[in-house]
Amino acid sequence: MKEDIRNLFKDDEISGQALPDNHRQDFYEQLKASRPRRTSQLNRHYLIKVAAIITMFLALTITLFQMVDNTPNQVVEASSMETQIDAIEKQYLARIDREWQRFISVTNDETLVKRYKDKLNDLDADYKEISQQFKTDTNNILVIESLVENLQTRLQLLKDIQEHINVLNQKIGTV
């Protein structure tokens, strides 16, 4: 019974015929047609429901985090900002007072003292006005900058006075 398979098809009529040119393409098309189509494991309605639930969960989570995060931070920021402003104010006022006392001790000219005292009083009045604005609107950065700038101006004025007096004293000492 053992026979060579090539010998079996030698006498067959079909074996001598040539295959058509599009035989390979026809074979692939028939193969694809015979394959069962894959059906989606997931139902589209089920996917839409899951997506809606996830979206609602994310929106609720984000909303809750924003509500929780905003409330304490606003209170902490306002009190922290006021504390920082008060600390800066005390620091500047102490330096201004020190420079003023040094100026008064060095100078003998009462008109000069009065003139600078008037300038400092004007700056102090402006500072009090800006300070009132700050109490009504603690989150306005422009008001905070104005407060600091006013204090810096007063301090710089006193330093300029000291420098002017030092120059005058040097001129008197050389003459």
N, C-alpha and C. Protein backbone atom coordinates (compact mmCIF):
# COMPACT_ATOMS: atom_id res chain seq x y z
N MET A 1 0.79 -1.18 0.00
CA MET A 1 0.00 0.00 0.00
C MET A 1 0.84 1.26 0.00
N LYS A 2 2.03 1.08 0.21
CA LYS A 2 2.88 2.25 0.18
C LYS A 2 3.11 2.63 -1.26
N GLU A 3 2.65 3.83 -1.55
CA GLU A 3 2.83 4.34 -2.90
C GLU A 3 3.31 5.77 -2.80
N ASP A 4 4.02 6.16 -3.79
CA ASP A 4 4.49 7.56 -3.83
C ASP A 4 3.31 8.43 -4.23
N ILE A 5 3.09 9.46 -3.51
CA ILE A 5 1.95 10.34 -3.73
C ILE A 5 2.04 11.02 -5.10
N ARG A 6 3.20 11.22 -5.61
CA ARG A 6 3.36 11.83 -6.91
C ARG A 6 2.82 10.91 -8.02
N ASN A 7 2.97 9.68 -7.79
CA ASN A 7 2.48 8.72 -8.79
C ASN A 7 0.97 8.67 -8.83
N LEU A 8 0.32 8.92 -7.77
CA LEU A 8 -1.15 8.90 -7.71
C LEU A 8 -1.76 9.98 -8.60
N PHE A 9 -1.15 11.13 -8.65
CA PHE A 9 -1.72 12.25 -9.39
C PHE A 9 -1.18 12.36 -10.83
N LYS A 10 -0.33 11.50 -11.27
CA LYS A 10 0.22 11.56 -12.63
C LYS A 10 -0.84 11.29 -13.68
N ASP A 11 -1.68 10.41 -13.40
CA ASP A 11 -2.68 10.01 -14.39
C ASP A 11 -3.94 10.86 -14.29
N ASP A 12 -4.06 11.69 -13.33
CA ASP A 12 -5.26 12.50 -13.11
C ASP A 12 -5.31 13.65 -14.10
N GLU A 13 -6.52 13.99 -14.64
CA GLU A 13 -6.68 15.04 -15.63
C GLU A 13 -6.42 16.43 -15.03
N ILE A 14 -6.78 16.62 -13.82
CA ILE A 14 -6.69 17.92 -13.19
C ILE A 14 -5.23 18.30 -12.94
N SER A 15 -4.40 17.39 -12.70
CA SER A 15 -3.02 17.71 -12.34
C SER A 15 -2.27 18.37 -13.48
N GLY A 16 -2.66 18.17 -14.71
CA GLY A 16 -1.96 18.75 -15.83
C GLY A 16 -2.42 20.17 -16.15
N GLN A 17 -3.50 20.63 -15.57
CA GLN A 17 -4.03 21.95 -15.89
C GLN A 17 -3.29 23.03 -15.11
N ALA A 18 -3.17 24.18 -15.75
CA ALA A 18 -2.54 25.33 -15.07
C ALA A 18 -3.59 26.08 -14.26
N LEU A 19 -3.16 26.64 -13.17
CA LEU A 19 -4.07 27.40 -12.30
C LEU A 19 -4.31 28.78 -12.91
N PRO A 20 -5.52 29.32 -12.75
CA PRO A 20 -5.77 30.67 -13.28
C PRO A 20 -4.91 31.71 -12.56
N ASP A 21 -4.71 32.89 -13.19
CA ASP A 21 -3.85 33.95 -12.61
C ASP A 21 -4.38 34.48 -11.29
N ASN A 22 -5.68 34.59 -11.15
CA ASN A 22 -6.23 35.16 -9.92
C ASN A 22 -6.62 34.09 -8.91
N HIS A 23 -6.06 32.90 -9.07
CA HIS A 23 -6.37 31.79 -8.17
C HIS A 23 -6.05 32.12 -6.71
N ARG A 24 -4.89 32.70 -6.49
CA ARG A 24 -4.46 33.03 -5.13
C ARG A 24 -5.42 34.03 -4.47
N GLN A 25 -5.85 35.07 -5.23
CA GLN A 25 -6.75 36.09 -4.70
C GLN A 25 -8.11 35.47 -4.39
N ASP A 26 -8.61 34.64 -5.27
CA ASP A 26 -9.89 33.96 -5.03
C ASP A 26 -9.82 33.09 -3.79
N PHE A 27 -8.68 32.41 -3.60
CA PHE A 27 -8.52 31.54 -2.44
C PHE A 27 -8.59 32.35 -1.13
N TYR A 28 -7.88 33.51 -1.11
CA TYR A 28 -7.90 34.36 0.09
C TYR A 28 -9.30 34.90 0.38
N GLU A 29 -10.03 35.27 -0.68
CA GLU A 29 -11.39 35.78 -0.47
C GLU A 29 -12.31 34.70 0.08
N GLN A 30 -12.21 33.50 -0.44
CA GLN A 30 -13.03 32.40 0.06
C GLN A 30 -12.65 32.07 1.50
N LEU A 31 -11.36 32.17 1.80
CA LEU A 31 -10.91 31.89 3.16
C LEU A 31 -11.46 32.92 4.15
N LYS A 32 -11.43 34.18 3.74
CA LYS A 32 -11.97 35.23 4.59
C LYS A 32 -13.47 35.06 4.78
N ALA A 33 -14.17 34.69 3.72
CA ALA A 33 -15.63 34.53 3.79
C ALA A 33 -16.00 33.34 4.68
N SER A 34 -15.18 32.34 4.72
CA SER A 34 -15.51 31.16 5.51
C SER A 34 -15.20 31.34 7.00
N ARG A 35 -14.36 32.32 7.31
CA ARG A 35 -14.02 32.58 8.72
C ARG A 35 -15.21 33.19 9.43
N PRO A 36 -15.46 32.76 10.63
CA PRO A 36 -16.58 33.37 11.36
C PRO A 36 -16.21 34.79 11.80
N ARG A 37 -17.19 35.69 11.72
CA ARG A 37 -16.96 37.08 12.12
C ARG A 37 -16.89 37.15 13.63
N ARG A 38 -15.99 38.01 14.07
CA ARG A 38 -15.88 38.21 15.52
C ARG A 38 -16.99 39.13 15.97
N THR A 39 -17.63 38.76 16.99
CA THR A 39 -18.64 39.64 17.56
C THR A 39 -18.02 40.31 18.77
N SER A 40 -18.38 41.53 18.97
CA SER A 40 -17.81 42.29 20.07
C SER A 40 -18.26 41.68 21.39
N GLN A 41 -17.30 41.51 22.26
CA GLN A 41 -17.61 40.94 23.57
C GLN A 41 -18.40 41.92 24.42
N LEU A 42 -18.15 43.21 24.19
CA LEU A 42 -18.79 44.23 25.01
C LEU A 42 -19.96 44.85 24.26
N ASN A 43 -21.01 45.04 24.95
CA ASN A 43 -22.18 45.67 24.37
C ASN A 43 -21.97 47.18 24.35
N ARG A 44 -22.36 47.85 23.28
CA ARG A 44 -22.15 49.29 23.18
C ARG A 44 -22.91 50.05 24.26
N HIS A 45 -24.08 49.62 24.57
CA HIS A 45 -24.86 50.30 25.61
C HIS A 45 -24.16 50.18 26.97
N TYR A 46 -23.57 49.04 27.19
CA TYR A 46 -22.82 48.84 28.43
C TYR A 46 -21.62 49.79 28.51
N LEU A 47 -20.91 49.94 27.38
CA LEU A 47 -19.76 50.85 27.35
C LEU A 47 -20.18 52.29 27.59
N ILE A 48 -21.29 52.70 27.01
CA ILE A 48 -21.78 54.07 27.21
C ILE A 48 -22.14 54.29 28.67
N LYS A 49 -22.76 53.33 29.30
CA LYS A 49 -23.11 53.46 30.72
C LYS A 49 -21.86 53.57 31.59
N VAL A 50 -20.87 52.75 31.31
CA VAL A 50 -19.62 52.79 32.08
C VAL A 50 -18.92 54.13 31.89
N ALA A 51 -18.88 54.63 30.66
CA ALA A 51 -18.25 55.92 30.39
C ALA A 51 -18.98 57.05 31.11
N ALA A 52 -20.30 57.00 31.13
CA ALA A 52 -21.09 58.02 31.83
C ALA A 52 -20.83 57.99 33.33
N ILE A 53 -20.74 56.81 33.90
CA ILE A 53 -20.48 56.67 35.34
C ILE A 53 -19.09 57.20 35.67
N ILE A 54 -18.10 56.88 34.86
CA ILE A 54 -16.73 57.35 35.10
C ILE A 54 -16.67 58.87 34.99
N THR A 55 -17.33 59.43 33.99
CA THR A 55 -17.34 60.88 33.81
C THR A 55 -17.99 61.57 35.00
N MET A 56 -19.11 61.05 35.46
CA MET A 56 -19.79 61.65 36.61
C MET A 56 -18.92 61.55 37.87
N PHE A 57 -18.26 60.42 38.05
CA PHE A 57 -17.39 60.23 39.20
C PHE A 57 -16.23 61.23 39.18
N LEU A 58 -15.61 61.41 38.01
CA LEU A 58 -14.50 62.36 37.90
C LEU A 58 -14.97 63.79 38.15
N ALA A 59 -16.11 64.15 37.59
CA ALA A 59 -16.63 65.51 37.79
C ALA A 59 -16.95 65.76 39.26
N LEU A 60 -17.54 64.79 39.92
CA LEU A 60 -17.86 64.93 41.34
C LEU A 60 -16.59 65.02 42.18
N THR A 61 -15.59 64.22 41.86
CA THR A 61 -14.33 64.24 42.60
C THR A 61 -13.62 65.58 42.44
N ILE A 62 -13.55 66.08 41.22
CA ILE A 62 -12.89 67.36 40.97
C ILE A 62 -13.62 68.48 41.70
N THR A 63 -14.94 68.47 41.65
CA THR A 63 -15.73 69.50 42.33
C THR A 63 -15.49 69.47 43.83
N LEU A 64 -15.49 68.29 44.41
CA LEU A 64 -15.27 68.17 45.86
C LEU A 64 -13.88 68.65 46.25
N PHE A 65 -12.85 68.28 45.46
CA PHE A 65 -11.49 68.72 45.78
C PHE A 65 -11.36 70.23 45.69
N GLN A 66 -12.01 70.83 44.70
CA GLN A 66 -11.94 72.28 44.58
C GLN A 66 -12.63 72.96 45.75
N MET A 67 -13.75 72.43 46.17
CA MET A 67 -14.46 73.04 47.30
C MET A 67 -13.66 72.90 48.58
N VAL A 68 -13.07 71.75 48.80
CA VAL A 68 -12.29 71.51 50.01
C VAL A 68 -11.01 72.32 50.00
N ASP A 69 -10.33 72.40 48.85
CA ASP A 69 -9.06 73.12 48.77
C ASP A 69 -9.23 74.62 48.90
N ASN A 70 -10.28 75.19 48.34
CA ASN A 70 -10.43 76.65 48.33
C ASN A 70 -10.78 77.22 49.69
N THR A 71 -11.62 76.61 50.45
CA THR A 71 -12.10 77.19 51.69
C THR A 71 -10.98 77.41 52.72
N PRO A 72 -10.22 76.43 53.11
CA PRO A 72 -9.20 76.68 54.12
C PRO A 72 -8.07 77.57 53.62
N ASN A 73 -7.70 77.44 52.36
CA ASN A 73 -6.57 78.21 51.84
C ASN A 73 -6.85 79.70 51.85
N GLN A 74 -8.09 80.09 51.56
CA GLN A 74 -8.41 81.51 51.54
C GLN A 74 -8.25 82.09 52.94
N VAL A 75 -8.72 81.38 53.93
CA VAL A 75 -8.59 81.87 55.30
C VAL A 75 -7.14 81.89 55.72
N VAL A 76 -6.41 80.83 55.41
CA VAL A 76 -5.00 80.74 55.79
C VAL A 76 -4.19 81.79 55.04
N GLU A 77 -4.47 81.97 53.73
CA GLU A 77 -3.72 82.95 52.95
C GLU A 77 -3.95 84.36 53.49
N ALA A 78 -5.19 84.69 53.80
CA ALA A 78 -5.50 86.04 54.28
C ALA A 78 -4.80 86.30 55.61
N SER A 79 -4.90 85.36 56.54
CA SER A 79 -4.27 85.58 57.83
C SER A 79 -2.75 85.53 57.71
N SER A 80 -2.24 84.65 56.85
CA SER A 80 -0.80 84.57 56.64
C SER A 80 -0.28 85.85 55.99
N MET A 81 -1.02 86.36 55.02
CA MET A 81 -0.63 87.59 54.33
C MET A 81 -0.61 88.75 55.32
N GLU A 82 -1.64 88.86 56.13
CA GLU A 82 -1.70 89.95 57.10
C GLU A 82 -0.56 89.85 58.11
N THR A 83 -0.25 88.64 58.53
CA THR A 83 0.85 88.44 59.47
C THR A 83 2.17 88.86 58.85
N GLN A 84 2.39 88.48 57.60
CA GLN A 84 3.62 88.84 56.92
C GLN A 84 3.72 90.36 56.73
N ILE A 85 2.61 90.98 56.36
CA ILE A 85 2.60 92.44 56.17
C ILE A 85 2.89 93.13 57.50
N ASP A 86 2.28 92.64 58.58
CA ASP A 86 2.54 93.23 59.90
C ASP A 86 4.00 93.11 60.30
N ALA A 87 4.60 91.95 60.02
CA ALA A 87 6.00 91.75 60.36
C ALA A 87 6.90 92.69 59.55
N ILE A 88 6.61 92.82 58.28
CA ILE A 88 7.40 93.74 57.43
C ILE A 88 7.22 95.17 57.90
N GLU A 89 5.99 95.53 58.23
CA GLU A 89 5.70 96.89 58.70
C GLU A 89 6.48 97.21 59.98
N LYS A 90 6.46 96.28 60.92
CA LYS A 90 7.19 96.51 62.19
C LYS A 90 8.69 96.66 61.94
N GLN A 91 9.21 95.84 61.06
CA GLN A 91 10.64 95.88 60.74
C GLN A 91 11.01 97.24 60.13
N TYR A 92 10.24 97.67 59.16
CA TYR A 92 10.53 98.96 58.52
C TYR A 92 10.34 100.12 59.50
N LEU A 93 9.25 100.10 60.27
CA LEU A 93 9.00 101.20 61.20
C LEU A 93 10.11 101.30 62.25
N ALA A 94 10.64 100.17 62.70
CA ALA A 94 11.74 100.19 63.66
C ALA A 94 12.99 100.82 63.03
N ARG A 95 13.28 100.43 61.79
CA ARG A 95 14.46 101.01 61.12
C ARG A 95 14.26 102.51 60.85
N ILE A 96 13.04 102.89 60.47
CA ILE A 96 12.75 104.31 60.23
C ILE A 96 12.94 105.11 61.51
N ASP A 97 12.42 104.59 62.61
CA ASP A 97 12.55 105.29 63.89
C ASP A 97 14.02 105.40 64.30
N ARG A 98 14.79 104.34 64.11
CA ARG A 98 16.22 104.37 64.43
C ARG A 98 16.95 105.43 63.61
N GLU A 99 16.66 105.46 62.30
CA GLU A 99 17.31 106.45 61.43
C GLU A 99 16.88 107.87 61.80
N TRP A 100 15.63 108.05 62.16
CA TRP A 100 15.15 109.38 62.55
C TRP A 100 15.85 109.85 63.83
N GLN A 101 15.96 108.96 64.80
CA GLN A 101 16.63 109.32 66.05
C GLN A 101 18.10 109.66 65.79
N ARG A 102 18.75 108.92 64.91
CA ARG A 102 20.14 109.18 64.57
C ARG A 102 20.25 110.55 63.88
N PHE A 103 19.29 110.84 63.00
CA PHE A 103 19.29 112.13 62.30
C PHE A 103 19.12 113.28 63.28
N ILE A 104 18.20 113.16 64.21
CA ILE A 104 17.96 114.23 65.18
C ILE A 104 19.20 114.44 66.06
N SER A 105 19.86 113.36 66.43
CA SER A 105 21.04 113.48 67.29
C SER A 105 22.22 114.12 66.56
N VAL A 106 22.30 113.98 65.26
CA VAL A 106 23.43 114.49 64.50
C VAL A 106 23.24 115.94 64.07
N THR A 107 22.02 116.34 63.76
CA THR A 107 21.80 117.66 63.19
C THR A 107 21.47 118.71 64.26
N ASN A 108 21.84 119.95 63.94
CA ASN A 108 21.53 121.09 64.81
C ASN A 108 20.56 122.05 64.13
N ASP A 109 20.25 121.82 62.87
CA ASP A 109 19.42 122.72 62.07
C ASP A 109 17.94 122.37 62.27
N GLU A 110 17.21 123.25 62.96
CA GLU A 110 15.81 123.00 63.28
C GLU A 110 14.91 123.09 62.04
N THR A 111 15.23 123.96 61.11
CA THR A 111 14.42 124.07 59.89
C THR A 111 14.56 122.80 59.03
N LEU A 112 15.76 122.25 59.00
CA LEU A 112 15.98 121.00 58.27
C LEU A 112 15.18 119.87 58.92
N VAL A 113 15.20 119.82 60.24
CA VAL A 113 14.46 118.79 60.98
C VAL A 113 12.97 118.95 60.69
N LYS A 114 12.47 120.20 60.75
CA LYS A 114 11.04 120.45 60.52
C LYS A 114 10.65 120.07 59.09
N ARG A 115 11.48 120.43 58.11
CA ARG A 115 11.17 120.12 56.72
C ARG A 115 11.06 118.61 56.50
N TYR A 116 12.03 117.86 57.03
CA TYR A 116 11.99 116.41 56.86
C TYR A 116 10.88 115.78 57.72
N LYS A 117 10.60 116.36 58.84
CA LYS A 117 9.51 115.87 59.69
C LYS A 117 8.19 116.01 58.94
N ASP A 118 8.00 117.13 58.23
CA ASP A 118 6.78 117.33 57.44
C ASP A 118 6.68 116.30 56.31
N LYS A 119 7.81 116.02 55.64
CA LYS A 119 7.81 115.02 54.57
C LYS A 119 7.45 113.64 55.12
N LEU A 120 8.04 113.31 56.27
CA LEU A 120 7.75 112.01 56.88
C LEU A 120 6.30 111.92 57.34
N ASN A 121 5.75 113.03 57.83
CA ASN A 121 4.34 113.04 58.25
C ASN A 121 3.42 112.84 57.05
N ASP A 122 3.76 113.47 55.92
CA ASP A 122 2.97 113.28 54.70
C ASP A 122 3.01 111.81 54.25
N LEU A 123 4.19 111.23 54.29
CA LEU A 123 4.32 109.82 53.92
C LEU A 123 3.57 108.92 54.90
N ASP A 124 3.59 109.29 56.18
CA ASP A 124 2.86 108.53 57.20
C ASP A 124 1.35 108.62 56.96
N ALA A 125 0.86 109.79 56.60
CA ALA A 125 -0.57 109.94 56.31
C ALA A 125 -0.96 109.10 55.09
N ASP A 126 -0.12 109.11 54.07
CA ASP A 126 -0.37 108.26 52.90
C ASP A 126 -0.38 106.79 53.29
N TYR A 127 0.54 106.42 54.16
CA TYR A 127 0.64 105.03 54.60
C TYR A 127 -0.64 104.61 55.33
N LYS A 128 -1.17 105.48 56.18
CA LYS A 128 -2.39 105.15 56.92
C LYS A 128 -3.57 104.98 55.96
N GLU A 129 -3.61 105.81 54.92
CA GLU A 129 -4.68 105.70 53.92
C GLU A 129 -4.57 104.37 53.15
N ILE A 130 -3.35 104.05 52.76
CA ILE A 130 -3.13 102.78 52.05
C ILE A 130 -3.42 101.60 52.97
N SER A 131 -3.11 101.76 54.24
CA SER A 131 -3.35 100.70 55.22
C SER A 131 -4.86 100.43 55.36
N GLN A 132 -5.66 101.48 55.30
CA GLN A 132 -7.12 101.31 55.33
C GLN A 132 -7.61 100.55 54.09
N GLN A 133 -7.03 100.88 52.95
CA GLN A 133 -7.38 100.16 51.72
C GLN A 133 -7.01 98.68 51.85
N PHE A 134 -5.88 98.41 52.47
CA PHE A 134 -5.44 97.03 52.65
C PHE A 134 -6.41 96.26 53.54
N LYS A 135 -6.93 96.91 54.57
CA LYS A 135 -7.87 96.22 55.48
C LYS A 135 -9.16 95.86 54.76
N THR A 136 -9.57 96.67 53.79
CA THR A 136 -10.80 96.35 53.06
C THR A 136 -10.55 95.34 51.95
N ASP A 137 -9.35 95.34 51.37
CA ASP A 137 -9.05 94.43 50.27
C ASP A 137 -7.67 93.82 50.50
N THR A 138 -7.62 92.75 51.28
CA THR A 138 -6.33 92.15 51.66
C THR A 138 -5.66 91.39 50.52
N ASN A 139 -6.40 91.07 49.47
CA ASN A 139 -5.82 90.28 48.38
C ASN A 139 -5.33 91.13 47.21
N ASN A 140 -5.43 92.44 47.31
CA ASN A 140 -4.99 93.31 46.22
C ASN A 140 -3.48 93.52 46.32
N ILE A 141 -2.78 93.00 45.37
CA ILE A 141 -1.31 93.05 45.38
C ILE A 141 -0.80 94.47 45.21
N LEU A 142 -1.56 95.30 44.48
CA LEU A 142 -1.14 96.68 44.27
C LEU A 142 -1.13 97.46 45.58
N VAL A 143 -2.10 97.19 46.44
CA VAL A 143 -2.15 97.87 47.74
C VAL A 143 -0.97 97.42 48.60
N ILE A 144 -0.68 96.14 48.57
CA ILE A 144 0.45 95.61 49.35
C ILE A 144 1.76 96.23 48.86
N GLU A 145 1.91 96.29 47.54
CA GLU A 145 3.12 96.90 46.99
C GLU A 145 3.22 98.38 47.37
N SER A 146 2.09 99.07 47.40
CA SER A 146 2.08 100.48 47.80
C SER A 146 2.50 100.64 49.26
N LEU A 147 2.05 99.73 50.12
CA LEU A 147 2.45 99.78 51.53
C LEU A 147 3.96 99.64 51.66
N VAL A 148 4.50 98.64 51.03
CA VAL A 148 5.94 98.39 51.12
C VAL A 148 6.72 99.54 50.49
N GLU A 149 6.24 100.03 49.36
CA GLU A 149 6.94 101.13 48.68
C GLU A 149 6.95 102.39 49.56
N ASN A 150 5.86 102.66 50.26
CA ASN A 150 5.80 103.82 51.15
C ASN A 150 6.82 103.68 52.27
N LEU A 151 6.89 102.50 52.85
CA LEU A 151 7.87 102.29 53.93
C LEU A 151 9.30 102.42 53.40
N GLN A 152 9.54 101.87 52.22
CA GLN A 152 10.88 101.97 51.63
C GLN A 152 11.23 103.42 51.31
N THR A 153 10.26 104.20 50.87
CA THR A 153 10.50 105.61 50.55
C THR A 153 10.88 106.38 51.81
N ARG A 154 10.16 106.11 52.90
CA ARG A 154 10.49 106.79 54.15
C ARG A 154 11.89 106.43 54.62
N LEU A 155 12.21 105.16 54.55
CA LEU A 155 13.54 104.72 54.98
C LEU A 155 14.62 105.31 54.08
N GLN A 156 14.39 105.32 52.80
CA GLN A 156 15.37 105.89 51.88
C GLN A 156 15.54 107.38 52.11
N LEU A 157 14.46 108.09 52.43
CA LEU A 157 14.53 109.51 52.73
C LEU A 157 15.45 109.76 53.93
N LEU A 158 15.28 108.95 54.95
CA LEU A 158 16.14 109.10 56.13
C LEU A 158 17.59 108.75 55.83
N LYS A 159 17.81 107.75 55.01
CA LYS A 159 19.19 107.41 54.64
C LYS A 159 19.82 108.52 53.82
N ASP A 160 19.05 109.13 52.94
CA ASP A 160 19.56 110.25 52.14
C ASP A 160 19.91 111.43 53.05
N ILE A 161 19.08 111.65 54.05
CA ILE A 161 19.36 112.74 55.01
C ILE A 161 20.68 112.45 55.71
N GLN A 162 20.86 111.23 56.19
CA GLN A 162 22.10 110.85 56.88
C GLN A 162 23.31 111.05 55.97
N GLU A 163 23.17 110.66 54.75
CA GLU A 163 24.28 110.81 53.80
C GLU A 163 24.59 112.29 53.56
N HIS A 164 23.56 113.09 53.46
CA HIS A 164 23.73 114.53 53.27
C HIS A 164 24.45 115.14 54.47
N ILE A 165 24.06 114.73 55.66
CA ILE A 165 24.69 115.25 56.88
C ILE A 165 26.15 114.81 56.96
N ASN A 166 26.42 113.58 56.59
CA ASN A 166 27.81 113.09 56.59
C ASN A 166 28.68 113.89 55.63
N VAL A 167 28.12 114.21 54.46
CA VAL A 167 28.87 115.01 53.49
C VAL A 167 29.12 116.40 54.05
N LEU A 168 28.10 117.01 54.69
CA LEU A 168 28.26 118.33 55.27
C LEU A 168 29.31 118.32 56.39
N ASN A 169 29.28 117.29 57.22
CA ASN A 169 30.25 117.19 58.31
C ASN A 169 31.67 117.04 57.79
N GLN A 170 31.83 116.31 56.69
CA GLN A 170 33.16 116.15 56.11
C GLN A 170 33.66 117.48 55.54
N LYS A 171 32.76 118.25 54.95
CA LYS A 171 33.15 119.53 54.38
C LYS A 171 33.54 120.50 55.49
N ILE A 172 32.79 120.46 56.60
CA ILE A 172 33.09 121.35 57.72
C ILE A 172 34.44 120.93 58.34
N GLY A 173 34.66 119.62 58.41
CA GLY A 173 35.92 119.14 59.00
C GLY A 173 37.13 119.47 58.16
N THR A 174 37.00 119.59 56.85
CA THR A 174 38.12 119.90 55.98
C THR A 174 38.37 121.39 55.87
N VAL A 175 37.37 122.20 56.16
CA VAL A 175 37.54 123.66 56.04
C VAL A 175 38.27 124.22 57.17
